[in-house]
Amino acid sequence: MLKDVVQVRATGGHRLWLRFEDGLEGELDFGQALSFDGVFAALRDEQEFARVRVDPELGTIVWPSGADLAPEELYRRLSEARGAG
């Protein structure tokens, strides 16, 4: 079952703290995990990366550049990072 992102906070560099609707939360570092080309090119700039927000209709994180990330991939990565999956 798909879990929506309900909160996001930039924590410096290319790191984000995320919380999902089921309570799973934690920090992920996208510095090495994200290819900064195409729609993601503007996100090389840490200030632009920090402009992230939750789109409640999509249930995931988005940036003003139009970039977004699949919530199921974010959930998988965070689960693995937290040792829960």
PDB file of N, CA and C in Angstrom:
ATOM      1  N   MET A   1       0.840  -1.184   0.000  1.00  0.00           N
ATOM      2  CA  MET A   1       0.000   0.000   0.000  1.00  0.00           C
ATOM      3  C   MET A   1       0.881   1.242   0.000  1.00  0.00           C
ATOM      4  N   LEU A   2       0.526   2.199  -0.816  1.00  0.00           N
ATOM      5  CA  LEU A   2       1.273   3.441  -0.948  1.00  0.00           C
ATOM      6  C   LEU A   2       1.107   4.308   0.289  1.00  0.00           C
ATOM      7  N   LYS A   3       2.222   4.809   0.786  1.00  0.00           N
ATOM      8  CA  LYS A   3       2.223   5.701   1.947  1.00  0.00           C
ATOM      9  C   LYS A   3       2.582   7.103   1.469  1.00  0.00           C
ATOM     10  N   ASP A   4       1.832   8.101   1.900  1.00  0.00           N
ATOM     11  CA  ASP A   4       2.093   9.484   1.516  1.00  0.00           C
ATOM     12  C   ASP A   4       3.106  10.140   2.442  1.00  0.00           C
ATOM     13  N   VAL A   5       3.912  11.019   1.867  1.00  0.00           N
ATOM     14  CA  VAL A   5       4.776  11.892   2.649  1.00  0.00           C
ATOM     15  C   VAL A   5       3.881  12.997   3.213  1.00  0.00           C
ATOM     16  N   VAL A   6       3.989  13.256   4.517  1.00  0.00           N
ATOM     17  CA  VAL A   6       3.159  14.295   5.133  1.00  0.00           C
ATOM     18  C   VAL A   6       3.981  15.477   5.639  1.00  0.00           C
ATOM     19  N   GLN A   7       5.297  15.299   5.776  1.00  0.00           N
ATOM     20  CA  GLN A   7       6.164  16.398   6.215  1.00  0.00           C
ATOM     21  C   GLN A   7       7.527  16.234   5.587  1.00  0.00           C
ATOM     22  N   VAL A   8       8.155  17.356   5.276  1.00  0.00           N
ATOM     23  CA  VAL A   8       9.536  17.358   4.785  1.00  0.00           C
ATOM     24  C   VAL A   8      10.223  18.598   5.317  1.00  0.00           C
ATOM     25  N   ARG A   9      11.515  18.444   5.578  1.00  0.00           N
ATOM     26  CA  ARG A   9      12.322  19.561   6.065  1.00  0.00           C
ATOM     27  C   ARG A   9      13.744  19.372   5.526  1.00  0.00           C
ATOM     28  N   ALA A  10      14.264  20.407   4.885  1.00  0.00           N
ATOM     29  CA  ALA A  10      15.653  20.372   4.443  1.00  0.00           C
ATOM     30  C   ALA A  10      16.534  20.518   5.677  1.00  0.00           C
ATOM     31  N   THR A  11      17.568  19.678   5.782  1.00  0.00           N
ATOM     32  CA  THR A  11      18.418  19.688   6.974  1.00  0.00           C
ATOM     33  C   THR A  11      19.856  20.083   6.673  1.00  0.00           C
ATOM     34  N   GLY A  12      20.095  20.592   5.466  1.00  0.00           N
ATOM     35  CA  GLY A  12      21.435  21.034   5.089  1.00  0.00           C
ATOM     36  C   GLY A  12      22.017  20.168   3.998  1.00  0.00           C
ATOM     37  N   GLY A  13      22.816  20.775   3.168  1.00  0.00           N
ATOM     38  CA  GLY A  13      23.370  20.035   2.036  1.00  0.00           C
ATOM     39  C   GLY A  13      22.235  19.536   1.155  1.00  0.00           C
ATOM     40  N   HIS A  14      22.322  18.286   0.783  1.00  0.00           N
ATOM     41  CA  HIS A  14      21.257  17.648   0.005  1.00  0.00           C
ATOM     42  C   HIS A  14      20.547  16.598   0.856  1.00  0.00           C
ATOM     43  N   ARG A  15      20.326  16.934   2.120  1.00  0.00           N
ATOM     44  CA  ARG A  15      19.652  16.022   3.050  1.00  0.00           C
ATOM     45  C   ARG A  15      18.250  16.536   3.361  1.00  0.00           C
ATOM     46  N   LEU A  16      17.340  15.575   3.492  1.00  0.00           N
ATOM     47  CA  LEU A  16      15.956  15.880   3.846  1.00  0.00           C
ATOM     48  C   LEU A  16      15.498  14.977   4.973  1.00  0.00           C
ATOM     49  N   TRP A  17      14.750  15.557   5.892  1.00  0.00           N
ATOM     50  CA  TRP A  17      14.041  14.784   6.905  1.00  0.00           C
ATOM     51  C   TRP A  17      12.614  14.621   6.391  1.00  0.00           C
ATOM     52  N   LEU A  18      12.122  13.373   6.424  1.00  0.00           N
ATOM     53  CA  LEU A  18      10.792  13.048   5.908  1.00  0.00           C
ATOM     54  C   LEU A  18       9.962  12.350   6.977  1.00  0.00           C
ATOM     55  N   ARG A  19       8.659  12.577   6.923  1.00  0.00           N
ATOM     56  CA  ARG A  19       7.717  11.798   7.742  1.00  0.00           C
ATOM     57  C   ARG A  19       6.596  11.324   6.824  1.00  0.00           C
ATOM     58  N   PHE A  20       6.268  10.044   6.975  1.00  0.00           N
ATOM     59  CA  PHE A  20       5.179   9.442   6.210  1.00  0.00           C
ATOM     60  C   PHE A  20       3.935   9.325   7.075  1.00  0.00           C
ATOM     61  N   GLU A  21       2.808   9.125   6.429  1.00  0.00           N
ATOM     62  CA  GLU A  21       1.530   9.087   7.128  1.00  0.00           C
ATOM     63  C   GLU A  21       1.445   7.980   8.168  1.00  0.00           C
ATOM     64  N   ASP A  22       2.228   6.922   8.034  1.00  0.00           N
ATOM     65  CA  ASP A  22       2.192   5.836   9.016  1.00  0.00           C
ATOM     66  C   ASP A  22       3.165   6.054  10.179  1.00  0.00           C
ATOM     67  N   GLY A  23       3.858   7.219  10.179  1.00  0.00           N
ATOM     68  CA  GLY A  23       4.764   7.552  11.277  1.00  0.00           C
ATOM     69  C   GLY A  23       6.229   7.290  10.993  1.00  0.00           C
ATOM     70  N   LEU A  24       6.549   6.560   9.921  1.00  0.00           N
ATOM     71  CA  LEU A  24       7.956   6.351   9.567  1.00  0.00           C
ATOM     72  C   LEU A  24       8.582   7.713   9.287  1.00  0.00           C
ATOM     73  N   GLU A  25       9.712   7.976   9.925  1.00  0.00           N
ATOM     74  CA  GLU A  25      10.384   9.249   9.711  1.00  0.00           C
ATOM     75  C   GLU A  25      11.882   9.071   9.822  1.00  0.00           C
ATOM     76  N   GLY A  26      12.598  10.004   9.218  1.00  0.00           N
ATOM     77  CA  GLY A  26      14.045   9.980   9.292  1.00  0.00           C
ATOM     78  C   GLY A  26      14.646  10.833   8.195  1.00  0.00           C
ATOM     79  N   GLU A  27      15.971  10.834   8.156  1.00  0.00           N
ATOM     80  CA  GLU A  27      16.718  11.683   7.226  1.00  0.00           C
ATOM     81  C   GLU A  27      17.354  10.845   6.129  1.00  0.00           C
ATOM     82  N   LEU A  28      17.317  11.383   4.922  1.00  0.00           N
ATOM     83  CA  LEU A  28      17.980  10.772   3.777  1.00  0.00           C
ATOM     84  C   LEU A  28      18.905  11.799   3.136  1.00  0.00           C
ATOM     85  N   ASP A  29      20.061  11.323   2.656  1.00  0.00           N
ATOM     86  CA  ASP A  29      21.018  12.176   1.964  1.00  0.00           C
ATOM     87  C   ASP A  29      20.917  11.878   0.469  1.00  0.00           C
ATOM     88  N   PHE A  30      20.551  12.882  -0.310  1.00  0.00           N
ATOM     89  CA  PHE A  30      20.376  12.715  -1.743  1.00  0.00           C
ATOM     90  C   PHE A  30      21.596  13.161  -2.537  1.00  0.00           C
ATOM     91  N   GLY A  31      22.649  13.575  -1.859  1.00  0.00           N
ATOM     92  CA  GLY A  31      23.843  14.077  -2.518  1.00  0.00           C
ATOM     93  C   GLY A  31      24.444  13.109  -3.517  1.00  0.00           C
ATOM     94  N   GLN A  32      24.503  11.844  -3.183  1.00  0.00           N
ATOM     95  CA  GLN A  32      25.051  10.823  -4.076  1.00  0.00           C
ATOM     96  C   GLN A  32      23.953  10.022  -4.768  1.00  0.00           C
ATOM     97  N   ALA A  33      22.757  10.045  -4.219  1.00  0.00           N
ATOM     98  CA  ALA A  33      21.673   9.198  -4.718  1.00  0.00           C
ATOM     99  C   ALA A  33      20.876   9.826  -5.854  1.00  0.00           C
ATOM    100  N   LEU A  34      21.013  11.126  -6.052  1.00  0.00           N
ATOM    101  CA  LEU A  34      20.202  11.824  -7.035  1.00  0.00           C
ATOM    102  C   LEU A  34      21.072  12.296  -8.185  1.00  0.00           C
ATOM    103  N   SER A  35      20.616  12.026  -9.400  1.00  0.00           N
ATOM    104  CA  SER A  35      21.309  12.511 -10.588  1.00  0.00           C
ATOM    105  C   SER A  35      20.836  13.938 -10.849  1.00  0.00           C
ATOM    106  N   PHE A  36      21.731  14.891 -10.754  1.00  0.00           N
ATOM    107  CA  PHE A  36      21.366  16.301 -10.878  1.00  0.00           C
ATOM    108  C   PHE A  36      21.408  16.749 -12.332  1.00  0.00           C
ATOM    109  N   ASP A  37      20.566  16.132 -13.154  1.00  0.00           N
ATOM    110  CA  ASP A  37      20.437  16.552 -14.542  1.00  0.00           C
ATOM    111  C   ASP A  37      18.958  16.619 -14.900  1.00  0.00           C
ATOM    112  N   GLY A  38      18.668  17.130 -16.083  1.00  0.00           N
ATOM    113  CA  GLY A  38      17.284  17.273 -16.499  1.00  0.00           C
ATOM    114  C   GLY A  38      16.507  18.160 -15.538  1.00  0.00           C
ATOM    115  N   VAL A  39      15.329  17.719 -15.138  1.00  0.00           N
ATOM    116  CA  VAL A  39      14.476  18.493 -14.239  1.00  0.00           C
ATOM    117  C   VAL A  39      15.118  18.674 -12.859  1.00  0.00           C
ATOM    118  N   PHE A  40      16.086  17.818 -12.524  1.00  0.00           N
ATOM    119  CA  PHE A  40      16.773  17.895 -11.230  1.00  0.00           C
ATOM    120  C   PHE A  40      18.014  18.791 -11.248  1.00  0.00           C
ATOM    121  N   ALA A  41      18.404  19.340 -12.408  1.00  0.00           N
ATOM    122  CA  ALA A  41      19.638  20.126 -12.528  1.00  0.00           C
ATOM    123  C   ALA A  41      19.659  21.320 -11.578  1.00  0.00           C
ATOM    124  N   ALA A  42      18.552  22.010 -11.434  1.00  0.00           N
ATOM    125  CA  ALA A  42      18.505  23.192 -10.554  1.00  0.00           C
ATOM    126  C   ALA A  42      18.767  22.824  -9.096  1.00  0.00           C
ATOM    127  N   LEU A  43      18.544  21.556  -8.744  1.00  0.00           N
ATOM    128  CA  LEU A  43      18.682  21.120  -7.353  1.00  0.00           C
ATOM    129  C   LEU A  43      20.127  20.911  -6.923  1.00  0.00           C
ATOM    130  N   ARG A  44      21.075  21.056  -7.855  1.00  0.00           N
ATOM    131  CA  ARG A  44      22.497  21.042  -7.464  1.00  0.00           C
ATOM    132  C   ARG A  44      22.755  22.156  -6.457  1.00  0.00           C
ATOM    133  N   ASP A  45      22.059  23.277  -6.662  1.00  0.00           N
ATOM    134  CA  ASP A  45      22.166  24.426  -5.763  1.00  0.00           C
ATOM    135  C   ASP A  45      21.429  24.073  -4.469  1.00  0.00           C
ATOM    136  N   GLU A  46      22.152  24.072  -3.359  1.00  0.00           N
ATOM    137  CA  GLU A  46      21.561  23.650  -2.084  1.00  0.00           C
ATOM    138  C   GLU A  46      20.408  24.552  -1.645  1.00  0.00           C
ATOM    139  N   GLN A  47      20.469  25.824  -1.997  1.00  0.00           N
ATOM    140  CA  GLN A  47      19.357  26.720  -1.647  1.00  0.00           C
ATOM    141  C   GLN A  47      18.102  26.349  -2.420  1.00  0.00           C
ATOM    142  N   GLU A  48      18.266  25.968  -3.671  1.00  0.00           N
ATOM    143  CA  GLU A  48      17.114  25.536  -4.469  1.00  0.00           C
ATOM    144  C   GLU A  48      16.596  24.195  -3.955  1.00  0.00           C
ATOM    145  N   PHE A  49      17.515  23.308  -3.600  1.00  0.00           N
ATOM    146  CA  PHE A  49      17.130  22.005  -3.043  1.00  0.00           C
ATOM    147  C   PHE A  49      16.293  22.193  -1.773  1.00  0.00           C
ATOM    148  N   ALA A  50      16.653  23.193  -0.978  1.00  0.00           N
ATOM    149  CA  ALA A  50      15.958  23.453   0.286  1.00  0.00           C
ATOM    150  C   ALA A  50      14.549  24.003   0.093  1.00  0.00           C
ATOM    151  N   ARG A  51      14.160  24.340  -1.115  1.00  0.00           N
ATOM    152  CA  ARG A  51      12.811  24.853  -1.395  1.00  0.00           C
ATOM    153  C   ARG A  51      11.782  23.725  -1.540  1.00  0.00           C
ATOM    154  N   VAL A  52      12.144  22.557  -1.131  1.00  0.00           N
ATOM    155  CA  VAL A  52      11.265  21.390  -1.204  1.00  0.00           C
ATOM    156  C   VAL A  52       9.991  21.606  -0.378  1.00  0.00           C
ATOM    157  N   ARG A  53       8.907  20.988  -0.812  1.00  0.00           N
ATOM    158  CA  ARG A  53       7.658  21.020  -0.057  1.00  0.00           C
ATOM    159  C   ARG A  53       6.881  19.735  -0.333  1.00  0.00           C
ATOM    160  N   VAL A  54       5.886  19.480   0.490  1.00  0.00           N
ATOM    161  CA  VAL A  54       4.996  18.343   0.271  1.00  0.00           C
ATOM    162  C   VAL A  54       3.832  18.802  -0.597  1.00  0.00           C
ATOM    163  N   ASP A  55       3.533  18.020  -1.628  1.00  0.00           N
ATOM    164  CA  ASP A  55       2.316  18.233  -2.414  1.00  0.00           C
ATOM    165  C   ASP A  55       1.295  17.221  -1.905  1.00  0.00           C
ATOM    166  N   PRO A  56       0.279  17.672  -1.149  1.00  0.00           N
ATOM    167  CA  PRO A  56      -0.668  16.727  -0.550  1.00  0.00           C
ATOM    168  C   PRO A  56      -1.494  15.956  -1.574  1.00  0.00           C
ATOM    169  N   GLU A  57      -1.689  16.526  -2.748  1.00  0.00           N
ATOM    170  CA  GLU A  57      -2.437  15.804  -3.785  1.00  0.00           C
ATOM    171  C   GLU A  57      -1.627  14.643  -4.344  1.00  0.00           C
ATOM    172  N   LEU A  58      -0.329  14.852  -4.505  1.00  0.00           N
ATOM    173  CA  LEU A  58       0.543  13.790  -5.019  1.00  0.00           C
ATOM    174  C   LEU A  58       1.032  12.867  -3.910  1.00  0.00           C
ATOM    175  N   GLY A  59       1.038  13.368  -2.682  1.00  0.00           N
ATOM    176  CA  GLY A  59       1.514  12.571  -1.555  1.00  0.00           C
ATOM    177  C   GLY A  59       3.020  12.403  -1.531  1.00  0.00           C
ATOM    178  N   THR A  60       3.716  13.345  -2.153  1.00  0.00           N
ATOM    179  CA  THR A  60       5.165  13.260  -2.200  1.00  0.00           C
ATOM    180  C   THR A  60       5.781  14.651  -2.153  1.00  0.00           C
ATOM    181  N   ILE A  61       7.110  14.688  -2.285  1.00  0.00           N
ATOM    182  CA  ILE A  61       7.835  15.949  -2.236  1.00  0.00           C
ATOM    183  C   ILE A  61       8.034  16.497  -3.643  1.00  0.00           C
ATOM    184  N   VAL A  62       8.002  17.830  -3.732  1.00  0.00           N
ATOM    185  CA  VAL A  62       8.153  18.509  -5.017  1.00  0.00           C
ATOM    186  C   VAL A  62       8.999  19.766  -4.826  1.00  0.00           C
ATOM    187  N   TRP A  63       9.529  20.247  -5.942  1.00  0.00           N
ATOM    188  CA  TRP A  63      10.311  21.477  -5.965  1.00  0.00           C
ATOM    189  C   TRP A  63       9.707  22.428  -6.983  1.00  0.00           C
ATOM    190  N   PRO A  64       9.983  23.736  -6.852  1.00  0.00           N
ATOM    191  CA  PRO A  64       9.455  24.710  -7.810  1.00  0.00           C
ATOM    192  C   PRO A  64       9.860  24.430  -9.261  1.00  0.00           C
ATOM    193  N   SER A  65      10.975  23.735  -9.468  1.00  0.00           N
ATOM    194  CA  SER A  65      11.441  23.416 -10.826  1.00  0.00           C
ATOM    195  C   SER A  65      10.549  22.387 -11.520  1.00  0.00           C
ATOM    196  N   GLY A  66       9.630  21.779 -10.769  1.00  0.00           N
ATOM    197  CA  GLY A  66       8.771  20.731 -11.327  1.00  0.00           C
ATOM    198  C   GLY A  66       9.246  19.331 -10.986  1.00  0.00           C
ATOM    199  N   ALA A  67      10.396  19.238 -10.355  1.00  0.00           N
ATOM    200  CA  ALA A  67      10.927  17.928  -9.964  1.00  0.00           C
ATOM    201  C   ALA A  67      10.101  17.345  -8.819  1.00  0.00           C
ATOM    202  N   ASP A  68       9.954  16.033  -8.835  1.00  0.00           N
ATOM    203  CA  ASP A  68       9.353  15.324  -7.714  1.00  0.00           C
ATOM    204  C   ASP A  68       9.976  13.938  -7.638  1.00  0.00           C
ATOM    205  N   LEU A  69       9.755  13.268  -6.524  1.00  0.00           N
ATOM    206  CA  LEU A  69      10.280  11.916  -6.333  1.00  0.00           C
ATOM    207  C   LEU A  69       9.141  10.995  -5.933  1.00  0.00           C
ATOM    208  N   ALA A  70       9.170   9.777  -6.430  1.00  0.00           N
ATOM    209  CA  ALA A  70       8.112   8.808  -6.154  1.00  0.00           C
ATOM    210  C   ALA A  70       8.069   8.477  -4.664  1.00  0.00           C
ATOM    211  N   PRO A  71       6.896   8.584  -4.040  1.00  0.00           N
ATOM    212  CA  PRO A  71       6.809   8.331  -2.606  1.00  0.00           C
ATOM    213  C   PRO A  71       7.169   6.892  -2.231  1.00  0.00           C
ATOM    214  N   GLU A  72       6.866   5.936  -3.096  1.00  0.00           N
ATOM    215  CA  GLU A  72       7.206   4.547  -2.770  1.00  0.00           C
ATOM    216  C   GLU A  72       8.713   4.322  -2.729  1.00  0.00           C
ATOM    217  N   GLU A  73       9.452   5.036  -3.576  1.00  0.00           N
ATOM    218  CA  GLU A  73      10.918   4.936  -3.560  1.00  0.00           C
ATOM    219  C   GLU A  73      11.486   5.602  -2.313  1.00  0.00           C
ATOM    220  N   LEU A  74      10.942   6.757  -1.955  1.00  0.00           N
ATOM    221  CA  LEU A  74      11.366   7.426  -0.731  1.00  0.00           C
ATOM    222  C   LEU A  74      11.101   6.549   0.489  1.00  0.00           C
ATOM    223  N   TYR A  75       9.934   5.918   0.515  1.00  0.00           N
ATOM    224  CA  TYR A  75       9.567   5.056   1.641  1.00  0.00           C
ATOM    225  C   TYR A  75      10.515   3.861   1.731  1.00  0.00           C
ATOM    226  N   ARG A  76      10.816   3.262   0.581  1.00  0.00           N
ATOM    227  CA  ARG A  76      11.736   2.115   0.553  1.00  0.00           C
ATOM    228  C   ARG A  76      13.109   2.515   1.073  1.00  0.00           C
ATOM    229  N   ARG A  77      13.628   3.623   0.575  1.00  0.00           N
ATOM    230  CA  ARG A  77      14.961   4.075   1.001  1.00  0.00           C
ATOM    231  C   ARG A  77      15.001   4.390   2.492  1.00  0.00           C
ATOM    232  N   LEU A  78      13.966   5.052   2.981  1.00  0.00           N
ATOM    233  CA  LEU A  78      13.942   5.401   4.389  1.00  0.00           C
ATOM    234  C   LEU A  78      13.781   4.158   5.260  1.00  0.00           C
ATOM    235  N   SER A  79      12.954   3.220   4.821  1.00  0.00           N
ATOM    236  CA  SER A  79      12.790   1.964   5.564  1.00  0.00           C
ATOM    237  C   SER A  79      14.110   1.219   5.669  1.00  0.00           C
ATOM    238  N   GLU A  80      14.838   1.162   4.562  1.00  0.00           N
ATOM    239  CA  GLU A  80      16.140   0.490   4.554  1.00  0.00           C
ATOM    240  C   GLU A  80      17.139   1.224   5.447  1.00  0.00           C
ATOM    241  N   ALA A  81      17.146   2.542   5.365  1.00  0.00           N
ATOM    242  CA  ALA A  81      18.062   3.333   6.181  1.00  0.00           C
ATOM    243  C   ALA A  81      17.772   3.176   7.668  1.00  0.00           C
ATOM    244  N   ARG A  82      16.522   3.003   8.012  1.00  0.00           N
ATOM    245  CA  ARG A  82      16.109   2.868   9.410  1.00  0.00           C
ATOM    246  C   ARG A  82      16.165   1.408   9.879  1.00  0.00           C
ATOM    247  N   GLY A  83      16.488   0.494   8.966  1.00  0.00           N
ATOM    248  CA  GLY A  83      16.558  -0.917   9.334  1.00  0.00           C
ATOM    249  C   GLY A  83      15.195  -1.561   9.492  1.00  0.00           C
ATOM    250  N   ALA A  84      14.173  -0.920   8.909  1.00  0.00           N
ATOM    251  CA  ALA A  84      12.806  -1.433   9.045  1.00  0.00           C
ATOM    252  C   ALA A  84      12.358  -2.198   7.820  1.00  0.00           C
ATOM    253  N   GLY A  85      13.205  -2.357   6.847  1.00  0.00           N
ATOM    254  CA  GLY A  85      12.733  -3.023   5.644  1.00  0.00           C
ATOM    255  C   GLY A  85      13.839  -3.665   4.943  1.00  0.00           C
TER     256      GLY A  85
END
